Protein backbone atom coordinates (compact mmCIF):
# COMPACT_ATOMS: atom_id res chain seq x y z
CA UNK A 1 -0.05 -0.44 0.26
CA UNK A 2 1.18 3.50 -0.47
CA UNK A 3 2.08 6.07 1.61
CA UNK A 4 0.20 9.43 2.14
CA UNK A 5 1.82 12.43 1.13
CA UNK A 6 3.19 14.69 3.44
CA UNK A 7 1.48 17.66 3.98
CA UNK A 8 3.27 21.05 3.06
CA UNK A 9 4.16 24.14 5.50
CA UNK A 10 5.73 27.46 3.66
CA UNK A 11 8.69 29.60 5.64
CA UNK A 12 9.02 32.53 4.42
CA UNK A 13 11.80 35.37 4.62
CA UNK A 14 14.79 35.41 7.43
CA UNK A 15 13.05 31.99 8.86
CA UNK A 16 13.97 30.26 5.23
CA UNK A 17 17.64 31.26 5.48
CA UNK A 18 18.11 30.63 8.40
CA UNK A 19 17.59 27.00 7.20
CA UNK A 20 18.78 27.04 4.25
CA UNK A 21 22.20 28.53 5.77
CA UNK A 22 22.63 28.01 8.96
CA UNK A 23 20.94 24.82 9.29
CA UNK A 24 17.78 26.20 12.17
CA UNK A 25 15.84 23.58 13.32
CA UNK A 26 13.48 25.63 15.19
CA UNK A 27 11.09 28.71 13.32
CA UNK A 28 8.77 30.85 14.48
CA UNK A 29 5.60 30.93 14.15
CA UNK A 30 6.13 34.40 12.37
CA UNK A 31 7.80 32.70 9.64
CA UNK A 32 5.49 29.93 8.68
CA UNK A 33 2.50 29.24 6.19
CA UNK A 34 0.93 26.22 7.58
CA UNK A 35 -2.53 25.23 5.70
CA UNK A 36 -4.58 21.78 6.31
CA UNK A 37 -2.17 20.47 8.56
CA UNK A 38 -2.48 18.96 12.14
CA UNK A 39 -0.54 19.76 15.13
CA UNK A 40 1.91 17.60 15.51
CA UNK A 41 2.01 16.14 11.92
CA UNK A 42 5.53 15.19 10.02
CA UNK A 43 5.52 18.19 6.93
CA UNK A 44 8.04 18.91 4.39
CA UNK A 45 9.36 22.40 4.88
CA UNK A 46 9.76 24.76 1.49
CA UNK A 47 10.71 28.09 1.05
CA UNK A 48 9.07 30.79 -0.58
CA UNK A 49 10.27 29.52 -4.10
CA UNK A 50 8.54 26.20 -3.23
CA UNK A 51 12.15 24.34 -2.73
CA UNK A 52 12.21 21.67 -0.20
CA UNK A 53 14.87 22.86 2.60
CA UNK A 54 14.02 19.89 5.32
CA UNK A 55 11.49 18.51 7.09
CA UNK A 56 10.14 18.86 10.73
CA UNK A 57 7.01 18.42 13.10
CA UNK A 58 4.75 21.26 13.07
CA UNK A 59 3.75 22.52 16.81
CA UNK A 60 0.99 24.42 17.36
CA UNK A 61 1.80 25.64 21.23
CA UNK A 62 4.31 28.03 21.91
CA UNK A 63 6.19 30.24 19.75
CA UNK A 64 8.17 28.01 17.80
CA UNK A 65 5.86 26.46 14.68
CA UNK A 66 8.21 24.03 12.98
CA UNK A 67 10.88 21.62 15.08
CA UNK A 68 12.54 20.31 12.34
CA UNK A 69 14.46 16.69 12.24
CA UNK A 70 16.45 17.02 8.65
CA UNK A 71 17.37 19.81 6.58
CA UNK A 72 18.01 20.34 2.79
CA UNK A 73 15.83 17.21 2.37
CA UNK A 74 13.01 15.37 3.66
CA UNK A 75 13.51 11.48 3.52
CA UNK A 76 11.81 10.91 6.07
CA UNK A 77 7.66 8.94 5.36
CA UNK A 78 6.01 8.48 8.75
CA UNK A 79 6.96 10.24 12.45
CA UNK A 80 7.83 6.96 13.83
CA UNK A 81 10.85 5.70 10.93
CA UNK A 82 11.89 9.88 11.42
CA UNK A 83 12.24 8.93 15.46
CA UNK A 84 13.18 6.20 15.71
CA UNK A 85 16.33 6.98 12.77
CA UNK A 86 17.64 9.82 14.85
CA UNK A 87 17.17 7.60 17.90
CA UNK A 88 19.57 4.87 16.27
CA UNK A 89 22.17 7.99 14.76
CA UNK A 90 22.39 9.35 18.57
CA UNK A 91 22.66 5.61 20.07
CA UNK A 92 25.39 4.89 17.32
CA UNK A 93 27.31 7.91 18.60
CA UNK A 94 27.31 7.04 22.01
CA UNK A 95 28.57 3.92 21.60
CA UNK A 96 31.08 4.94 19.53
CA UNK A 97 32.47 7.33 21.59
CA UNK A 98 32.33 4.48 24.42
CA UNK A 99 29.40 6.04 26.41
CA UNK A 100 27.02 2.82 25.94
CA UNK A 101 27.60 -0.58 27.94
CA UNK A 102 25.81 -2.57 31.42
CA UNK A 103 25.98 -0.09 34.50
CA UNK A 104 26.93 3.37 32.30
CA UNK A 105 25.01 6.78 32.00
CA UNK A 106 24.93 8.69 29.17
CA UNK A 107 22.52 11.20 27.37
CA UNK A 108 21.20 9.46 24.40
CA UNK A 109 19.11 12.76 23.29
CA UNK A 110 20.55 16.21 23.69
CA UNK A 111 17.60 18.03 21.69
CA UNK A 112 18.71 20.09 18.82
CA UNK A 113 21.96 18.33 19.34
CA UNK A 114 20.52 15.39 17.86
CA UNK A 115 18.13 16.58 15.62
CA UNK A 116 15.58 16.37 18.08
CA UNK A 117 14.64 19.69 19.22
CA UNK A 118 12.46 19.82 22.67
CA UNK A 119 13.48 15.99 23.95
CA UNK A 120 16.21 15.06 26.28
CA UNK A 121 16.89 11.91 26.62
CA UNK A 122 19.35 10.63 29.25
CA UNK A 123 20.17 6.52 29.76
CA UNK A 124 21.58 5.34 33.59
CA UNK A 125 22.14 2.11 33.04
CA UNK A 126 18.81 -0.36 32.42
CA UNK A 127 16.84 2.98 33.62
CA UNK A 128 15.86 5.51 30.63
CA UNK A 129 14.28 9.31 31.24
CA UNK A 130 12.64 11.22 29.39
CA UNK A 131 12.15 15.46 29.21
CA UNK A 132 9.54 16.68 26.66
CA UNK A 133 9.84 20.65 26.25
CA UNK A 134 7.26 20.48 23.34
CA UNK A 135 3.62 19.94 22.69
CA UNK A 136 4.73 17.58 19.66
CA UNK A 137 6.86 15.27 21.72
CA UNK A 138 3.46 14.89 24.35
CA UNK A 139 1.51 13.26 21.29
CA UNK A 140 4.29 11.21 20.78
CA UNK A 141 4.49 10.60 24.48
CA UNK A 142 4.37 6.55 23.62
CA UNK A 143 6.14 6.34 20.43
CA UNK A 144 9.46 8.00 21.96
CA UNK A 145 8.86 5.02 25.01
CA UNK A 146 8.98 2.25 22.37
CA UNK A 147 11.20 3.47 20.22
CA UNK A 148 13.41 4.55 23.27
CA UNK A 149 13.19 0.91 25.03
CA UNK A 150 14.01 -0.81 21.78
CA UNK A 151 17.00 1.34 20.84
CA UNK A 152 18.69 0.86 23.82
CA UNK A 153 17.16 -1.99 25.66
CA UNK A 154 15.81 -0.23 28.87
CA UNK A 155 13.34 -2.00 30.33
CA UNK A 156 12.44 0.90 32.37
CA UNK A 157 11.44 4.73 31.52
CA UNK A 158 10.68 7.55 34.05
CA UNK A 159 9.76 10.49 32.05
CA UNK A 160 10.68 13.85 34.08
CA UNK A 161 8.84 16.77 32.31
CA UNK A 162 9.14 19.13 35.19
CA UNK A 163 11.61 21.94 33.38
CA UNK A 164 10.90 25.98 33.15
CA UNK A 165 10.69 25.76 29.35
CA UNK A 166 7.15 23.52 29.26
CA UNK A 167 5.39 26.19 32.00
CA UNK A 168 6.99 29.12 29.95
CA UNK A 169 4.96 27.54 26.43
CA UNK A 170 1.80 27.04 28.72
CA UNK A 171 1.99 22.97 29.33
CA UNK A 172 1.14 21.30 32.64
CA UNK A 173 4.71 19.63 34.25
CA UNK A 174 4.62 15.52 34.02
CA UNK A 175 6.26 13.51 35.54
CA UNK A 176 4.96 9.58 35.15
CA UNK A 177 6.43 5.71 35.50
CA UNK A 178 6.04 4.60 31.60
CA UNK A 179 7.90 1.83 31.47
CA UNK A 180 8.86 -0.93 33.82
CA UNK A 181 8.70 -0.64 37.46
CA UNK A 182 11.99 0.97 38.51
CA UNK A 183 12.72 5.44 38.88
CA UNK A 184 16.20 4.04 40.63
CA UNK A 185 19.57 2.21 39.87
CA UNK A 186 23.38 2.43 40.14
CA UNK A 187 25.89 3.04 37.12
CA UNK A 188 29.26 3.47 36.89
CA UNK A 189 31.77 5.95 36.18
CA UNK A 190 35.80 5.17 36.68
CA UNK A 191 35.88 2.80 39.33
CA UNK A 192 33.52 4.84 41.43
CA UNK A 193 29.82 4.13 41.28
CA UNK A 194 26.73 6.25 42.00
CA UNK A 195 22.95 6.25 43.15
CA UNK A 196 20.73 7.68 41.15
CA UNK A 197 17.37 8.83 41.68
CA UNK A 198 15.33 9.25 38.60
CA UNK A 199 12.11 10.40 40.50
CA UNK A 200 13.59 12.56 43.49
CA UNK A 201 17.12 13.52 42.46
CA UNK A 202 17.70 16.85 40.40
CA UNK A 203 17.28 17.36 36.67
CA UNK A 204 17.08 13.68 35.48
CA UNK A 205 18.36 12.24 38.18
CA UNK A 206 22.72 12.63 38.15
CA UNK A 207 23.93 15.34 36.05
CA UNK A 208 25.44 13.51 33.57
CA UNK A 209 27.56 16.68 31.54
CA UNK A 210 29.88 16.71 34.11
CA UNK A 211 31.28 12.73 33.90
CA UNK A 212 34.47 14.10 32.05
CA UNK A 213 35.60 16.76 34.75
CA UNK A 214 34.58 13.94 37.40
CA UNK A 215 36.70 11.45 36.45
CA UNK A 216 39.31 14.26 35.91
CA UNK A 217 39.25 15.92 39.10
CA UNK A 218 39.06 12.58 41.36
CA UNK A 219 42.35 11.64 39.14
CA UNK A 220 44.25 15.36 40.00
CA UNK A 221 42.74 15.27 43.37
CA UNK A 222 44.72 14.88 46.42
CA UNK A 223 45.03 14.97 50.49
CA UNK A 224 42.37 17.41 51.86
CA UNK A 225 39.21 17.56 49.11
CA UNK A 226 36.23 19.55 49.19
CA UNK A 227 33.43 19.44 47.55
CA UNK A 228 31.12 22.25 47.30
CA UNK A 229 27.20 22.28 45.96
CA UNK A 230 28.42 18.28 46.45
CA UNK A 231 24.71 17.03 45.55
CA UNK A 232 25.07 13.20 45.20
CA UNK A 233 29.03 14.03 46.07
CA UNK A 234 30.28 12.49 42.35
CA UNK A 235 33.89 15.10 42.92
CA UNK A 236 34.32 14.34 46.21
CA UNK A 237 33.51 10.47 45.71
CA UNK A 238 36.47 10.07 43.13
CA UNK A 239 39.12 11.51 44.18
CA UNK A 240 37.92 9.82 47.55
CA UNK A 241 38.01 6.34 45.40
CA UNK A 242 40.88 6.99 43.80
CA UNK A 243 43.16 7.96 47.03
CA UNK A 244 42.64 11.15 48.36
CA UNK A 245 43.06 11.10 51.93
CA UNK A 246 39.52 12.67 53.33
CA UNK A 247 36.59 14.92 51.80
CA UNK A 248 34.18 17.18 53.00
CA UNK A 249 30.68 17.03 50.65
CA UNK A 250 28.62 20.88 51.34
CA UNK A 251 24.68 20.07 51.09
CA UNK A 252 22.03 21.23 52.14
CA UNK A 253 19.51 19.21 50.04
CA UNK A 254 18.00 16.62 52.25
CA UNK A 255 17.05 14.15 49.23
CA UNK A 256 20.55 14.66 47.43
CA UNK A 257 22.43 14.28 50.83
CA UNK A 258 20.62 11.25 51.70
CA UNK A 259 21.77 9.80 48.15
CA UNK A 260 25.45 11.06 48.83
CA UNK A 261 25.51 8.99 52.33
CA UNK A 262 24.35 5.67 49.89
CA UNK A 263 27.07 6.19 47.62
CA UNK A 264 29.33 7.17 50.15
CA UNK A 265 28.69 3.44 51.26
CA UNK A 266 28.53 1.62 48.39
CA UNK A 267 31.99 3.08 46.92
CA UNK A 268 33.17 1.99 50.59
CA UNK A 269 34.46 5.41 51.55
CA UNK A 270 32.11 6.89 54.48
CA UNK A 271 34.80 6.53 57.11
CA UNK A 272 37.15 9.00 54.67
CA UNK A 273 34.17 11.65 54.49
CA UNK A 274 32.37 14.78 56.38
CA UNK A 275 28.96 16.00 54.76
CA UNK A 276 28.55 19.49 56.11
CA UNK A 277 24.43 19.89 55.59
CA UNK A 278 24.98 23.68 55.02
CA UNK A 279 23.98 26.29 52.82
CA UNK A 280 27.54 26.49 50.41
CA UNK A 281 27.17 30.79 51.50
CA UNK A 282 27.44 30.63 54.39
CA UNK A 283 30.23 27.51 55.34
CA UNK A 284 31.98 29.93 52.96
CA UNK A 285 31.23 32.74 55.31
CA UNK A 286 32.15 30.93 58.40
CA UNK A 287 35.76 31.28 59.36
CA UNK A 288 37.73 28.07 58.52
CA UNK A 289 41.57 27.44 60.04
CA UNK A 290 41.90 24.55 57.31
CA UNK A 291 43.06 24.79 53.41
CA UNK A 292 42.31 22.21 50.87
CA UNK A 293 44.80 20.45 48.78
CA UNK A 294 41.64 20.11 45.65
CA UNK A 295 38.69 22.81 46.19
CA UNK A 296 35.45 22.18 43.64
CA UNK A 297 32.75 24.02 43.30
CA UNK A 298 29.76 23.24 40.89
CA UNK A 299 26.96 25.74 41.61
CA UNK A 300 23.23 25.80 40.01
CA UNK A 301 22.82 28.10 37.38
CA UNK A 302 23.25 32.08 38.63
CA UNK A 303 22.28 33.53 35.42
CA UNK A 304 18.79 31.40 34.34
CA UNK A 305 17.70 34.45 32.14
CA UNK A 306 19.23 37.37 30.26
CA UNK A 307 17.76 39.65 33.09
CA UNK A 308 19.72 37.76 35.76
CA UNK A 309 22.93 38.56 33.89
CA UNK A 310 24.53 41.27 36.40
CA UNK A 311 23.22 39.56 39.56
CA UNK A 312 25.05 36.41 38.61
CA UNK A 313 27.89 37.07 37.46
CA UNK A 314 28.94 38.85 40.85
CA UNK A 315 27.59 36.45 42.66
CA UNK A 316 30.37 33.78 40.62
CA UNK A 317 32.79 35.87 41.14
CA UNK A 318 32.13 36.08 44.80
CA UNK A 319 31.45 32.49 44.83
CA UNK A 320 34.75 31.44 43.36
CA UNK A 321 37.13 34.43 45.34
CA UNK A 322 35.96 32.82 48.91
CA UNK A 323 36.11 29.45 47.49
CA UNK A 324 39.49 29.68 46.44
CA UNK A 325 41.11 31.51 49.55
CA UNK A 326 40.43 27.62 50.91
CA UNK A 327 43.06 26.07 48.54
CA UNK A 328 46.26 25.26 49.49
CA UNK A 329 48.84 26.55 47.75
CA UNK A 330 49.29 23.50 45.00
CA UNK A 331 45.81 23.31 45.33
CA UNK A 332 43.94 21.62 42.58
CA UNK A 333 40.77 23.80 41.45
CA UNK A 334 37.65 23.17 39.55
CA UNK A 335 35.25 25.84 38.70
CA UNK A 336 32.16 25.50 36.66
CA UNK A 337 29.16 27.44 35.67
CA UNK A 338 26.13 26.02 33.87
CA UNK A 339 24.54 29.46 33.01
CA UNK A 340 23.93 29.40 29.32
CA UNK A 341 23.60 33.74 29.55
CA UNK A 342 26.88 33.79 30.63
CA UNK A 343 29.66 33.41 27.77
CA UNK A 344 32.49 31.68 27.54
CA UNK A 345 34.80 34.83 27.59
CA UNK A 346 32.27 36.28 29.93
CA UNK A 347 33.37 33.26 32.21
CA UNK A 348 36.94 33.11 31.78
CA UNK A 349 36.74 37.25 32.91
CA UNK A 350 35.50 35.94 36.03
CA UNK A 351 37.31 33.51 37.23
CA UNK A 352 40.63 35.33 36.21
CA UNK A 353 39.39 38.37 38.41
CA UNK A 354 37.91 35.56 41.07
CA UNK A 355 41.74 34.37 41.51
CA UNK A 356 42.77 38.04 41.98
CA UNK A 357 40.14 38.85 45.01
CA UNK A 358 41.47 35.99 46.42
CA UNK A 359 45.37 36.94 46.11
CA UNK A 360 46.48 33.75 44.39
CA UNK A 361 48.32 33.48 41.43
CA UNK A 362 46.77 30.45 39.12
CA UNK A 363 48.49 28.06 36.58
CA UNK A 364 45.32 26.72 34.27
CA UNK A 365 45.15 22.66 32.88
CA UNK A 366 44.59 23.57 29.81
CA UNK A 367 41.92 26.23 28.15
CA UNK A 368 38.07 26.63 29.37
CA UNK A 369 36.18 23.18 29.05
CA UNK A 370 32.89 22.66 27.61
CA UNK A 371 30.35 20.12 26.83
CA UNK A 372 31.23 15.86 26.04
CA UNK A 373 30.44 14.27 23.61
CA UNK A 374 27.01 12.99 24.27
CA UNK A 375 25.78 16.80 24.53
CA UNK A 376 26.86 17.57 20.92
CA UNK A 377 25.66 21.56 20.14
CA UNK A 378 25.40 23.30 16.96
CA UNK A 379 25.90 27.22 16.20
CA UNK A 380 21.94 27.91 15.81
CA UNK A 381 21.58 26.52 19.23
CA UNK A 382 24.32 28.02 21.41
CA UNK A 383 22.01 27.41 24.16
CA UNK A 384 23.03 24.42 24.40
CA UNK A 385 26.20 25.05 25.49
CA UNK A 386 26.22 26.02 28.73
CA UNK A 387 28.60 24.92 30.53
CA UNK A 388 32.01 26.41 31.13
CA UNK A 389 34.29 24.87 33.05
CA UNK A 390 37.99 25.57 34.20
CA UNK A 391 40.90 23.58 35.90
CA UNK A 392 43.88 24.92 37.52
CA UNK A 393 46.54 24.83 39.95
CA UNK A 394 46.65 27.79 42.96
CA UNK A 395 49.61 29.15 44.51
């Protein structure tokens, strides 16, 4: 039986040029002419001359009207074919990078970076966690779940779509176990293991974007370690497992501390760990008679939107400088920001100013680091390049 042809949507002016010249995948409604197509329908995308410039899903909710899953051509005949093909490509890329395997954690889909704008999929061993930021993906929720299972072999799928981007376009939060019967698991990073709780943990349950930085911190850290905003202990635990003398974890979230304690136990390093259940600012505001041989600073985003830039920049500068004062001479420091609205060069300037304020010289270990291989970034989607990280030796 012949397949029904796809509907057609036309993109005008700047919208079409963004697709043709830069490979943009999200097209705003002001540039789109859509007649006779329904919400969530896979459509051929044309420019004003009637030339095919891509293939995408038509979205009736929010300012984005088209979510492209292909540019230059439209080779997909159905939503299922498009989604399956793109998930397979993403999975193969992670496999080539050595990220796929038993007990491993990796990001399978990083929104636009994997030609699936508005969709995030993280895989933690046998548990997959999805995050949907579009009414299009809400429509295909069951299909997304089924194909994630088929492609990855996951035995459990939990959706945690409670992010702010849903609220911004009028979508209600959605959180539910969609497949299987578990929302927790254990993953392995190098020689360390971590308990992941998708239901009670932050984001999708863990911060996969810092994997490579955690591994390097553990390898480089020695002696006494300070892990600020420790969450479930990633940086400090890697250091302890690698042989650090002891580690102090500063975290105020009770759920995170519960999991942190579990992680310390399963890695058999609890006897060399101290947990400080306190706000980091309060901890840094007190006088300390001890310096640390390795300090990790991994705060939440202080600049969640452009309007918070000035205040957030000041907060980063203040935080980093206070933390640096606790680093011993010759000590390792790791400073990080996950604010998409903080440009890379501005982050570099803040770090340099923080060292000056702390009265410290420093030797950088390489350049500023960005996203890991399973978090692909495209120039037309700069919001995906949110992570900035910096290693140095303080003097």
